[in-house]
Amino acid sequence: MNKTFKNSIFALVAAVLALSASFAQVQAADAIYVTNVAAGVVVTSGYGLCWHTSAWTPAAAATDPMGCTCDKDLIPKEVCEKTAATPAAPAAPAAAGVKPAGEKITVAADALFDFNKATLRPEGKTKIDEVAAKAGELNLEVVIAVGHADRIGGAAYNQKLSEKRAAAVKDYMVSKGIPANRIYTEGKGSKQPVTKPDQCKGPKSAKVIACLQPDRRVDIEIIGTQK
């Protein structure tokens, strides 16, 4: 092996090792956002949207320092208000000449479930068909499905019921062609009702159950960019 060829081989190996090292610095193992560790910034798409890792969930975003920067609309308002005084690391700039074109579509689907049920109603499936059609019009990044329950019943029971409702929506959306790894689910129990405290008064009855129908829902948010 001549000296020139040997030096070329060494140079190639060094370049590969350097490239591998640079990629190794890009992502921390437990991060929920793709992060350039060396630069200290979250990596964004060409449209300025933060890239999620497979570890991302709405709950994890609520506790991540970058959650209020990347997913503010998905996090309780009071959480972001507490962290507003602490400046977050700036996100990497979008590609030159490309303006962010992210789109978030929220659907409050209050016709999905009967009282004490996590089985989708026929009219609920029709509602989700419309959501799936909208998702098909986007370069889809993520779908967030957050389940809710009415106030009747215990907190622990309603929490599980809300999670089952969110899971039912996910299963149906997957059957409509939405990739399962793009859909994240979460349950809020009865903590975020749509009805007001002065509505639906009285003990459990057919009238009260009907009045609380808007609380038995799954809020669906689609995040993506126009094709």
Protein backbone atom coordinates (compact mmCIF):
# COMPACT_ATOMS: atom_id res chain seq x y z
CA MET A 1 0.00 0.00 0.00
CA ASN A 2 1.63 3.28 -1.07
CA LYS A 3 1.95 6.22 1.30
CA THR A 4 -0.51 8.46 -0.59
CA PHE A 5 -3.26 5.84 -0.57
CA LYS A 6 -2.63 5.09 3.12
CA ASN A 7 -2.91 8.77 4.00
CA SER A 8 -6.18 8.98 2.03
CA ILE A 9 -7.62 6.08 3.99
CA PHE A 10 -6.65 7.68 7.30
CA ALA A 11 -8.18 10.97 6.22
CA LEU A 12 -11.44 9.25 5.22
CA VAL A 13 -11.66 7.38 8.53
CA ALA A 14 -11.02 10.60 10.45
CA ALA A 15 -13.74 12.39 8.52
CA VAL A 16 -16.26 9.61 9.20
CA LEU A 17 -15.42 9.62 12.91
CA ALA A 18 -15.76 13.38 13.08
CA LEU A 19 -19.12 13.23 11.29
CA SER A 20 -20.33 10.50 13.64
CA ALA A 21 -19.28 12.56 16.65
CA SER A 22 -21.19 15.57 15.39
CA PHE A 23 -24.37 13.53 15.00
CA ALA A 24 -23.85 12.03 18.48
CA GLN A 25 -24.01 15.54 19.88
CA VAL A 26 -27.31 16.33 18.21
CA GLN A 27 -29.67 14.41 20.48
CA ALA A 28 -29.72 13.61 24.19
CA ALA A 29 -31.12 10.17 24.93
CA ASP A 30 -34.01 11.34 27.12
CA ALA A 31 -34.90 14.52 25.23
CA ILE A 32 -38.42 15.02 23.90
CA TYR A 33 -37.24 17.57 21.33
CA VAL A 34 -34.48 16.99 18.78
CA THR A 35 -31.71 19.18 20.17
CA ASN A 36 -28.31 20.31 18.95
CA VAL A 37 -26.45 19.94 22.23
CA ALA A 38 -23.33 21.72 21.02
CA ALA A 39 -25.32 24.77 19.93
CA GLY A 40 -27.80 24.52 22.81
CA VAL A 41 -30.86 24.90 20.59
CA VAL A 42 -33.87 22.85 19.58
CA VAL A 43 -33.75 21.77 15.96
CA THR A 44 -36.66 23.10 13.92
CA SER A 45 -38.13 22.16 10.59
CA GLY A 46 -37.88 24.39 7.55
CA TYR A 47 -41.19 25.87 8.70
CA GLY A 48 -39.88 26.82 12.14
CA LEU A 49 -41.66 24.00 14.04
CA CYS A 50 -39.80 22.09 16.76
CA TRP A 51 -39.03 18.48 15.93
CA HIS A 52 -40.38 15.93 18.42
CA THR A 53 -38.60 12.71 19.37
CA SER A 54 -40.41 9.41 19.98
CA ALA A 55 -40.32 10.23 23.72
CA TRP A 56 -42.53 13.32 23.25
CA THR A 57 -45.94 13.44 24.94
CA PRO A 58 -48.09 16.43 25.96
CA ALA A 59 -47.38 15.62 29.61
CA ALA A 60 -43.62 15.56 29.01
CA ALA A 61 -43.82 18.85 27.11
CA ALA A 62 -45.45 20.47 30.15
CA THR A 63 -42.35 19.74 32.25
CA ASP A 64 -39.69 20.40 29.61
CA PRO A 65 -37.92 23.82 29.64
CA MET A 66 -38.67 24.22 25.93
CA GLY A 67 -42.29 23.09 26.18
CA CYS A 68 -43.74 26.60 26.43
CA THR A 69 -41.66 27.69 23.43
CA CYS A 70 -42.40 24.74 21.17
CA ASP A 71 -45.90 23.62 22.25
CA LYS A 72 -47.41 26.52 24.18
CA ASP A 73 -50.94 25.84 22.92
CA LEU A 74 -50.85 22.29 24.32
CA ILE A 75 -49.70 23.21 27.83
CA PRO A 76 -51.88 24.61 30.65
CA LYS A 77 -51.65 28.42 30.70
CA GLU A 78 -50.54 28.56 34.33
CA VAL A 79 -47.51 26.35 33.61
CA CYS A 80 -46.16 28.72 30.96
CA GLU A 81 -46.91 31.76 33.10
CA LYS A 82 -44.65 30.37 35.84
CA THR A 83 -41.75 29.87 33.42
CA ALA A 84 -42.23 33.09 31.45
CA ALA A 85 -39.68 34.95 33.59
CA THR A 86 -36.94 32.46 32.64
CA PRO A 87 -35.72 33.04 29.07
CA ALA A 88 -35.49 29.88 27.00
CA ALA A 89 -32.75 29.07 24.53
CA PRO A 90 -33.62 30.45 21.10
CA ALA A 91 -34.81 27.99 18.50
CA ALA A 92 -32.74 27.48 15.41
CA PRO A 93 -33.84 29.86 12.65
CA ALA A 94 -36.02 28.64 9.82
CA ALA A 95 -34.44 28.09 6.44
CA ALA A 96 -33.63 31.35 4.67
CA GLY A 97 -36.46 32.61 2.52
CA VAL A 98 -39.00 30.15 3.97
CA LYS A 99 -41.76 31.52 6.18
CA PRO A 100 -43.33 29.32 8.89
CA ALA A 101 -46.58 27.86 7.64
CA GLY A 102 -47.60 25.59 10.49
CA GLU A 103 -51.29 24.99 10.97
CA LYS A 104 -53.13 23.92 14.10
CA ILE A 105 -56.73 22.78 13.81
CA THR A 106 -58.66 22.12 17.02
CA VAL A 107 -61.93 20.19 17.03
CA ALA A 108 -64.01 19.97 20.21
CA ALA A 109 -65.95 16.81 19.49
CA ASP A 110 -68.81 16.71 22.01
CA ALA A 111 -70.94 14.25 20.03
CA LEU A 112 -68.55 11.33 20.37
CA PHE A 113 -69.69 9.41 23.45
CA ASP A 114 -72.74 8.43 25.46
CA PHE A 115 -72.80 8.77 29.24
CA ASN A 116 -70.32 6.45 30.97
CA LYS A 117 -69.15 5.04 27.61
CA ALA A 118 -65.88 5.05 25.65
CA THR A 119 -67.41 3.63 22.46
CA LEU A 120 -67.66 6.08 19.58
CA ARG A 121 -71.15 7.05 18.45
CA PRO A 122 -71.90 6.83 14.69
CA GLU A 123 -72.13 10.63 14.55
CA GLY A 124 -68.84 10.79 16.42
CA LYS A 125 -67.17 8.68 13.75
CA THR A 126 -68.50 11.07 11.12
CA LYS A 127 -66.92 13.94 13.02
CA ILE A 128 -63.57 12.18 13.14
CA ASP A 129 -63.81 11.35 9.44
CA GLU A 130 -63.81 15.11 8.83
CA VAL A 131 -60.75 15.53 11.06
CA ALA A 132 -58.90 12.71 9.27
CA ALA A 133 -59.69 14.34 5.92
CA LYS A 134 -58.17 17.63 7.14
CA ALA A 135 -55.09 15.77 8.36
CA GLY A 136 -54.71 14.24 4.91
CA GLU A 137 -54.43 17.74 3.44
CA LEU A 138 -51.35 18.52 5.55
CA ASN A 139 -47.77 17.39 5.88
CA LEU A 140 -48.81 15.95 9.22
CA GLU A 141 -46.52 16.33 12.22
CA VAL A 142 -48.72 15.31 15.13
CA VAL A 143 -52.31 14.77 16.22
CA ILE A 144 -53.14 15.42 19.88
CA ALA A 145 -56.26 13.72 21.26
CA VAL A 146 -57.19 14.80 24.80
CA GLY A 147 -60.07 12.92 26.43
CA HIS A 148 -62.54 14.38 28.96
CA ALA A 149 -65.36 13.15 31.20
CA ASP A 150 -68.30 14.87 32.90
CA ARG A 151 -68.37 15.52 36.65
CA ILE A 152 -70.57 12.53 37.55
CA GLY A 153 -68.49 9.81 39.18
CA GLY A 154 -65.20 9.68 41.11
CA ALA A 155 -62.01 11.42 39.96
CA ALA A 156 -60.02 8.20 39.46
CA TYR A 157 -62.83 6.58 37.46
CA ASN A 158 -63.30 9.66 35.27
CA GLN A 159 -59.55 9.85 34.63
CA LYS A 160 -59.50 6.30 33.28
CA LEU A 161 -62.68 6.92 31.28
CA SER A 162 -61.17 10.01 29.65
CA GLU A 163 -58.04 8.04 28.73
CA LYS A 164 -60.16 5.28 27.17
CA ARG A 165 -62.06 7.85 25.13
CA ALA A 166 -58.83 9.35 23.80
CA ALA A 167 -57.59 5.85 22.95
CA ALA A 168 -60.85 5.09 21.10
CA VAL A 169 -60.38 8.19 18.96
CA LYS A 170 -56.77 7.20 18.22
CA ASP A 171 -57.79 3.67 17.18
CA TYR A 172 -60.43 5.04 14.83
CA MET A 173 -58.05 7.58 13.29
CA VAL A 174 -55.48 4.83 12.73
CA SER A 175 -58.18 2.83 10.93
CA LYS A 176 -58.58 5.87 8.65
CA GLY A 177 -54.92 5.85 7.68
CA ILE A 178 -53.36 8.21 10.23
CA PRO A 179 -50.02 6.72 11.41
CA ALA A 180 -50.27 5.56 15.03
CA ASN A 181 -46.88 7.08 15.90
CA ARG A 182 -48.22 10.51 14.92
CA ILE A 183 -51.11 10.41 17.39
CA TYR A 184 -50.61 11.22 21.06
CA THR A 185 -53.34 10.72 23.63
CA GLU A 186 -53.96 12.06 27.10
CA GLY A 187 -56.83 12.04 29.58
CA LYS A 188 -57.92 15.01 31.68
CA GLY A 189 -60.70 13.31 33.63
CA SER A 190 -63.39 15.80 34.67
CA LYS A 191 -60.91 18.61 35.43
CA GLN A 192 -61.62 20.71 32.31
CA PRO A 193 -65.41 20.85 31.79
CA VAL A 194 -67.01 22.93 29.06
CA THR A 195 -70.18 23.47 31.08
CA LYS A 196 -70.20 26.27 33.64
CA PRO A 197 -70.50 25.75 37.43
CA ASP A 198 -74.00 27.24 37.43
CA GLN A 199 -75.21 24.88 34.72
CA CYS A 200 -76.57 21.34 35.05
CA LYS A 201 -77.49 21.75 38.71
CA GLY A 202 -78.96 19.00 40.84
CA PRO A 203 -78.26 15.33 41.53
CA LYS A 204 -77.74 12.74 38.81
CA SER A 205 -80.78 12.55 36.54
CA ALA A 206 -81.61 12.16 32.86
CA LYS A 207 -81.86 15.94 32.59
CA VAL A 208 -78.46 16.54 34.23
CA ILE A 209 -76.80 13.81 32.15
CA ALA A 210 -78.12 15.40 28.96
CA CYS A 211 -76.97 18.84 30.12
CA LEU A 212 -73.43 17.55 30.72
CA GLN A 213 -73.09 16.07 27.21
CA PRO A 214 -70.56 18.74 26.06
CA ASP A 215 -68.14 17.58 28.77
CA ARG A 216 -68.03 14.04 27.38
CA ARG A 217 -65.61 14.75 24.58
CA VAL A 218 -62.17 14.40 23.04
CA ASP A 219 -60.45 17.59 21.91
CA ILE A 220 -58.47 16.86 18.76
CA GLU A 221 -55.66 19.08 17.53
CA ILE A 222 -53.87 18.59 14.21
CA ILE A 223 -50.44 20.11 13.73
CA GLY A 224 -48.81 20.21 10.33
CA THR A 225 -47.97 22.32 7.32
CA GLN A 226 -49.81 22.83 4.08
CA LYS A 227 -48.68 20.60 1.24
